Amino acid sequence: MPVPFWAGYYIGLPFLDHGRDRAGVDCWGLVRLVMAEQFGIALPSFVYEYQRTTQVEKISALIERESPKWKQIEIGAEACGDVAVLRVRGKPMHVGIVLGDQQMLHIELGINSVIERYVGPRWADRIHGFYRYRNAFNNDISTQDRND
């Protein structure tokens, strides 16, 4: 599945801890922004759950606590709009939005938002899982519709 054209609107956004809009985002802020603007899904902010994106234990615990609200997707069955959860320092604490062609849109401290392959050497061994928001897409919406 090709990367959707709208992904280009999010390339180069600046990193900002707790950022939740185009002025600056952290990794969750970017996922939240894309889900709202492209899929009409309002996700929680979690700005009061952690102070900095480097807080491994707090963010990892938050992901573990919130993951049951999402449907885990088998590796290889992920689709545009799913969330890639990645391990950093051995813990699930980084997220990106799946775009297609095994690519994700994500952002990290020190870089602006980018599209990167999650099957490449940097991320392939760090994939914790792929998740789809349980109420995000009903059975009437095909994968192709999510890419347009």
Protein backbone atom coordinates (compact mmCIF):
# COMPACT_ATOMS: atom_id res chain seq x y z
CA MET A 1 0.00 0.00 0.00
CA PRO A 2 1.51 3.35 -0.99
CA VAL A 3 2.17 6.16 1.46
CA PRO A 4 -0.84 8.53 1.45
CA PHE A 5 -0.35 12.00 -0.04
CA TRP A 6 -1.39 13.70 3.21
CA ALA A 7 1.70 12.35 5.00
CA GLY A 8 3.69 15.16 3.39
CA TYR A 9 1.72 17.71 5.43
CA TYR A 10 3.40 16.38 8.58
CA ILE A 11 7.04 16.14 7.48
CA GLY A 12 9.32 18.63 9.22
CA LEU A 13 7.17 19.50 12.23
CA PRO A 14 9.45 20.51 15.12
CA PHE A 15 9.92 18.40 18.22
CA LEU A 16 8.52 19.78 21.47
CA ASP A 17 7.99 17.85 24.71
CA HIS A 18 4.22 17.76 25.33
CA GLY A 19 3.64 19.42 21.96
CA ARG A 20 0.17 18.73 20.62
CA ASP A 21 -0.12 20.99 17.56
CA ARG A 22 1.80 22.07 14.46
CA ALA A 23 3.93 24.49 16.50
CA GLY A 24 5.66 21.40 17.92
CA VAL A 25 4.89 17.78 18.83
CA ASP A 26 6.39 14.84 20.63
CA CYS A 27 5.80 11.33 19.28
CA TRP A 28 2.36 10.94 20.91
CA GLY A 29 1.44 14.49 19.94
CA LEU A 30 2.19 13.66 16.30
CA VAL A 31 0.07 10.49 16.39
CA ARG A 32 -2.71 12.41 18.11
CA LEU A 33 -2.55 15.24 15.53
CA VAL A 34 -2.67 12.87 12.54
CA MET A 35 -5.49 10.79 14.02
CA ALA A 36 -7.57 13.93 14.63
CA GLU A 37 -6.90 15.62 11.30
CA GLN A 38 -6.91 12.61 8.98
CA PHE A 39 -9.24 10.15 10.69
CA GLY A 40 -11.47 12.34 12.87
CA ILE A 41 -10.40 10.48 16.02
CA ALA A 42 -9.83 12.47 19.21
CA LEU A 43 -7.23 10.71 21.34
CA PRO A 44 -6.36 11.67 24.92
CA SER A 45 -3.52 14.14 25.41
CA PHE A 46 -1.67 12.48 28.34
CA VAL A 47 0.26 15.72 28.99
CA TYR A 48 -0.09 15.21 32.74
CA GLU A 49 1.17 11.61 32.60
CA TYR A 50 4.84 12.47 32.01
CA GLN A 51 7.05 15.53 32.17
CA ARG A 52 9.64 14.64 29.50
CA THR A 53 9.82 12.13 26.67
CA THR A 54 12.96 10.68 28.25
CA GLN A 55 11.05 9.25 31.24
CA VAL A 56 11.28 5.59 30.26
CA GLU A 57 9.41 4.09 33.19
CA LYS A 58 6.48 6.54 33.15
CA ILE A 59 5.93 6.33 29.39
CA SER A 60 6.34 2.57 29.27
CA ALA A 61 3.81 2.16 32.11
CA LEU A 62 1.41 4.51 30.31
CA ILE A 63 1.65 2.49 27.08
CA GLU A 64 1.10 -0.77 28.95
CA ARG A 65 -1.91 0.70 30.80
CA GLU A 66 -3.52 2.13 27.67
CA SER A 67 -2.78 -0.68 25.18
CA PRO A 68 -5.86 -2.79 26.11
CA LYS A 69 -7.99 0.05 24.68
CA TRP A 70 -6.42 -0.71 21.30
CA LYS A 71 -6.62 -3.80 19.12
CA GLN A 72 -3.23 -5.45 18.63
CA ILE A 73 -2.54 -6.14 14.95
CA GLU A 74 -0.37 -8.99 13.75
CA ILE A 75 2.96 -7.95 12.31
CA GLY A 76 2.48 -7.89 8.56
CA ALA A 77 -1.22 -6.98 8.84
CA GLU A 78 -0.65 -3.36 9.90
CA ALA A 79 -2.32 -0.69 7.76
CA CYS A 80 -2.35 3.05 7.33
CA GLY A 81 -3.60 4.67 10.54
CA ASP A 82 -2.32 1.96 12.86
CA VAL A 83 0.16 2.93 15.56
CA ALA A 84 3.61 1.37 15.72
CA VAL A 85 4.86 0.99 19.28
CA LEU A 86 8.64 0.74 19.48
CA ARG A 87 11.08 -0.11 22.22
CA VAL A 88 13.69 2.40 23.31
CA ARG A 89 16.11 1.41 26.06
CA GLY A 90 14.38 -1.98 26.07
CA LYS A 91 10.93 -0.61 26.95
CA PRO A 92 7.91 0.26 24.78
CA MET A 93 8.03 4.05 24.81
CA HIS A 94 8.03 5.43 21.26
CA VAL A 95 5.16 5.61 18.78
CA GLY A 96 4.71 6.39 15.12
CA ILE A 97 1.80 6.30 12.71
CA VAL A 98 1.85 3.58 10.05
CA LEU A 99 1.58 5.01 6.55
CA GLY A 100 2.06 2.04 4.22
CA ASP A 101 4.95 0.32 2.44
CA GLN A 102 6.37 -0.51 5.90
CA GLN A 103 6.90 3.17 6.63
CA MET A 104 5.87 5.29 9.58
CA LEU A 105 5.66 8.95 10.38
CA HIS A 106 7.35 9.75 13.69
CA ILE A 107 9.36 12.31 15.60
CA GLU A 108 12.09 12.15 18.23
CA LEU A 109 14.03 14.52 20.40
CA GLY A 110 16.65 16.15 18.17
CA ILE A 111 14.90 15.61 14.83
CA ASN A 112 11.87 17.03 13.08
CA SER A 113 9.07 14.68 12.04
CA VAL A 114 10.10 12.26 9.31
CA ILE A 115 8.96 9.24 7.35
CA GLU A 116 11.12 6.22 8.08
CA ARG A 117 10.98 2.48 7.39
CA TYR A 118 10.17 0.54 10.53
CA VAL A 119 11.64 -2.61 8.98
CA GLY A 120 15.01 -0.94 8.46
CA PRO A 121 18.09 -1.64 10.59
CA ARG A 122 17.29 1.06 13.14
CA TRP A 123 13.77 -0.08 14.11
CA ALA A 124 13.15 -3.68 12.97
CA ASP A 125 14.38 -5.26 16.21
CA ARG A 126 12.59 -2.65 18.31
CA ILE A 127 9.02 -3.27 17.17
CA HIS A 128 6.91 -3.93 20.24
CA GLY A 129 3.70 -4.19 18.22
CA PHE A 130 1.12 -2.52 16.02
CA TYR A 131 -2.15 -1.26 17.41
CA ARG A 132 -5.44 -0.01 15.98
CA TYR A 133 -7.76 2.15 18.01
CA ARG A 134 -10.73 -0.12 18.75
CA ASN A 135 -13.36 2.35 17.59
CA ALA A 136 -11.30 3.85 14.80
CA PHE A 137 -12.48 1.98 11.76
CA ASN A 138 -15.66 0.03 11.34
CA ASN A 139 -16.04 -2.95 9.04
CA ASP A 140 -17.44 -0.77 6.23
CA ILE A 141 -14.17 1.10 5.79
CA SER A 142 -11.58 -0.70 3.72
CA THR A 143 -7.83 -0.31 4.06
CA GLN A 144 -7.80 1.54 0.73
CA ASP A 145 -10.25 4.14 2.05
CA ARG A 146 -7.84 4.93 4.90
CA ASN A 147 -5.09 5.71 2.39
CA ASP A 148 -7.05 8.27 0.37
